[in-house]
């Protein structure tokens, strides 16, 4: 499992948008903790692709 921090999430819609963006990259077991901004996932992806997907969803990789 990998863990990242995502800034800018404030509601369940945000949580769902980030989860969907990561799943579209082929990542699995995506869990988003809205309170802490912590996102965990399984799978491998280049950091730039991860950053681009999160930014495209409207959030920021911390």
C-alpha atoms as a PDB file:
ATOM      1  CA  UNK A   1       0.000   0.000   0.000  1.00  0.00           C
ATOM      2  CA  UNK A   2       1.123   3.527  -0.784  1.00  0.00           C
ATOM      3  CA  UNK A   3       0.090   6.675   1.083  1.00  0.00           C
ATOM      4  CA  UNK A   4      -0.127  10.253  -0.192  1.00  0.00           C
ATOM      5  CA  UNK A   5      -1.513  13.510   1.187  1.00  0.00           C
ATOM      6  CA  UNK A   6      -4.088  15.433  -0.827  1.00  0.00           C
ATOM      7  CA  UNK A   7      -4.992  19.043  -0.049  1.00  0.00           C
ATOM      8  CA  UNK A   8      -8.272  20.774  -0.816  1.00  0.00           C
ATOM      9  CA  UNK A   9     -10.800  18.049  -0.016  1.00  0.00           C
ATOM     10  CA  UNK A  10     -13.713  19.182   2.149  1.00  0.00           C
ATOM     11  CA  UNK A  11     -16.727  16.958   1.443  1.00  0.00           C
ATOM     12  CA  UNK A  12     -17.825  13.520   0.304  1.00  0.00           C
ATOM     13  CA  UNK A  13     -17.951  14.715  -3.314  1.00  0.00           C
ATOM     14  CA  UNK A  14     -14.253  15.602  -3.011  1.00  0.00           C
ATOM     15  CA  UNK A  15     -13.553  12.197  -1.540  1.00  0.00           C
ATOM     16  CA  UNK A  16     -15.348  10.448  -4.418  1.00  0.00           C
ATOM     17  CA  UNK A  17     -13.639  12.590  -7.070  1.00  0.00           C
ATOM     18  CA  UNK A  18     -10.153  11.736  -5.796  1.00  0.00           C
ATOM     19  CA  UNK A  19     -11.004   8.047  -5.496  1.00  0.00           C
ATOM     20  CA  UNK A  20     -12.381   7.961  -9.039  1.00  0.00           C
ATOM     21  CA  UNK A  21      -9.363   9.826 -10.452  1.00  0.00           C
ATOM     22  CA  UNK A  22      -6.952   7.295  -8.943  1.00  0.00           C
ATOM     23  CA  UNK A  23      -9.020   4.299  -9.985  1.00  0.00           C
ATOM     24  CA  UNK A  24      -8.966   5.614 -13.565  1.00  0.00           C
ATOM     25  CA  UNK A  25      -5.162   5.297 -13.386  1.00  0.00           C
ATOM     26  CA  UNK A  26      -5.630   1.592 -12.667  1.00  0.00           C
ATOM     27  CA  UNK A  27      -4.929   1.840  -8.937  1.00  0.00           C
ATOM     28  CA  UNK A  28      -6.898  -0.415  -6.601  1.00  0.00           C
ATOM     29  CA  UNK A  29      -7.959  -0.475  -2.959  1.00  0.00           C
ATOM     30  CA  UNK A  30      -8.176   3.329  -2.997  1.00  0.00           C
ATOM     31  CA  UNK A  31      -9.193   4.689   0.417  1.00  0.00           C
ATOM     32  CA  UNK A  32      -9.619   8.419   1.048  1.00  0.00           C
ATOM     33  CA  UNK A  33      -9.668   9.781   4.611  1.00  0.00           C
ATOM     34  CA  UNK A  34     -11.413  13.123   4.335  1.00  0.00           C
ATOM     35  CA  UNK A  35     -10.425  14.309   7.828  1.00  0.00           C
ATOM     36  CA  UNK A  36      -6.685  13.806   7.425  1.00  0.00           C
ATOM     37  CA  UNK A  37      -6.367  14.146   3.646  1.00  0.00           C
ATOM     38  CA  UNK A  38      -4.567  10.807   3.612  1.00  0.00           C
ATOM     39  CA  UNK A  39      -5.107   8.604   0.574  1.00  0.00           C
ATOM     40  CA  UNK A  40      -3.925   5.004   0.414  1.00  0.00           C
ATOM     41  CA  UNK A  41      -3.858   2.801  -2.667  1.00  0.00           C
ATOM     42  CA  UNK A  42      -2.374  -0.340  -4.180  1.00  0.00           C
ATOM     43  CA  UNK A  43      -0.615  -0.400  -7.499  1.00  0.00           C
ATOM     44  CA  UNK A  44       2.189   1.421  -9.246  1.00  0.00           C
ATOM     45  CA  UNK A  45       1.992   4.697 -11.125  1.00  0.00           C
ATOM     46  CA  UNK A  46       4.497   7.419 -11.949  1.00  0.00           C
ATOM     47  CA  UNK A  47       4.357  10.380  -9.596  1.00  0.00           C
ATOM     48  CA  UNK A  48       3.670  12.856 -12.402  1.00  0.00           C
ATOM     49  CA  UNK A  49       0.655  10.852 -13.613  1.00  0.00           C
ATOM     50  CA  UNK A  50      -0.624  10.715 -10.033  1.00  0.00           C
ATOM     51  CA  UNK A  51      -0.112  14.462  -9.566  1.00  0.00           C
ATOM     52  CA  UNK A  52      -1.791  15.244 -12.906  1.00  0.00           C
ATOM     53  CA  UNK A  53      -4.849  13.109 -12.085  1.00  0.00           C
ATOM     54  CA  UNK A  54      -5.312  14.725  -8.673  1.00  0.00           C
ATOM     55  CA  UNK A  55      -4.869  18.244 -10.072  1.00  0.00           C
ATOM     56  CA  UNK A  56      -7.281  17.515 -12.926  1.00  0.00           C
ATOM     57  CA  UNK A  57      -9.851  16.487 -10.288  1.00  0.00           C
ATOM     58  CA  UNK A  58      -9.334  19.898  -8.647  1.00  0.00           C
ATOM     59  CA  UNK A  59      -7.061  19.054  -5.709  1.00  0.00           C
ATOM     60  CA  UNK A  60      -3.398  19.263  -4.819  1.00  0.00           C
ATOM     61  CA  UNK A  61      -0.852  16.607  -3.958  1.00  0.00           C
ATOM     62  CA  UNK A  62       0.821  17.724  -0.735  1.00  0.00           C
END
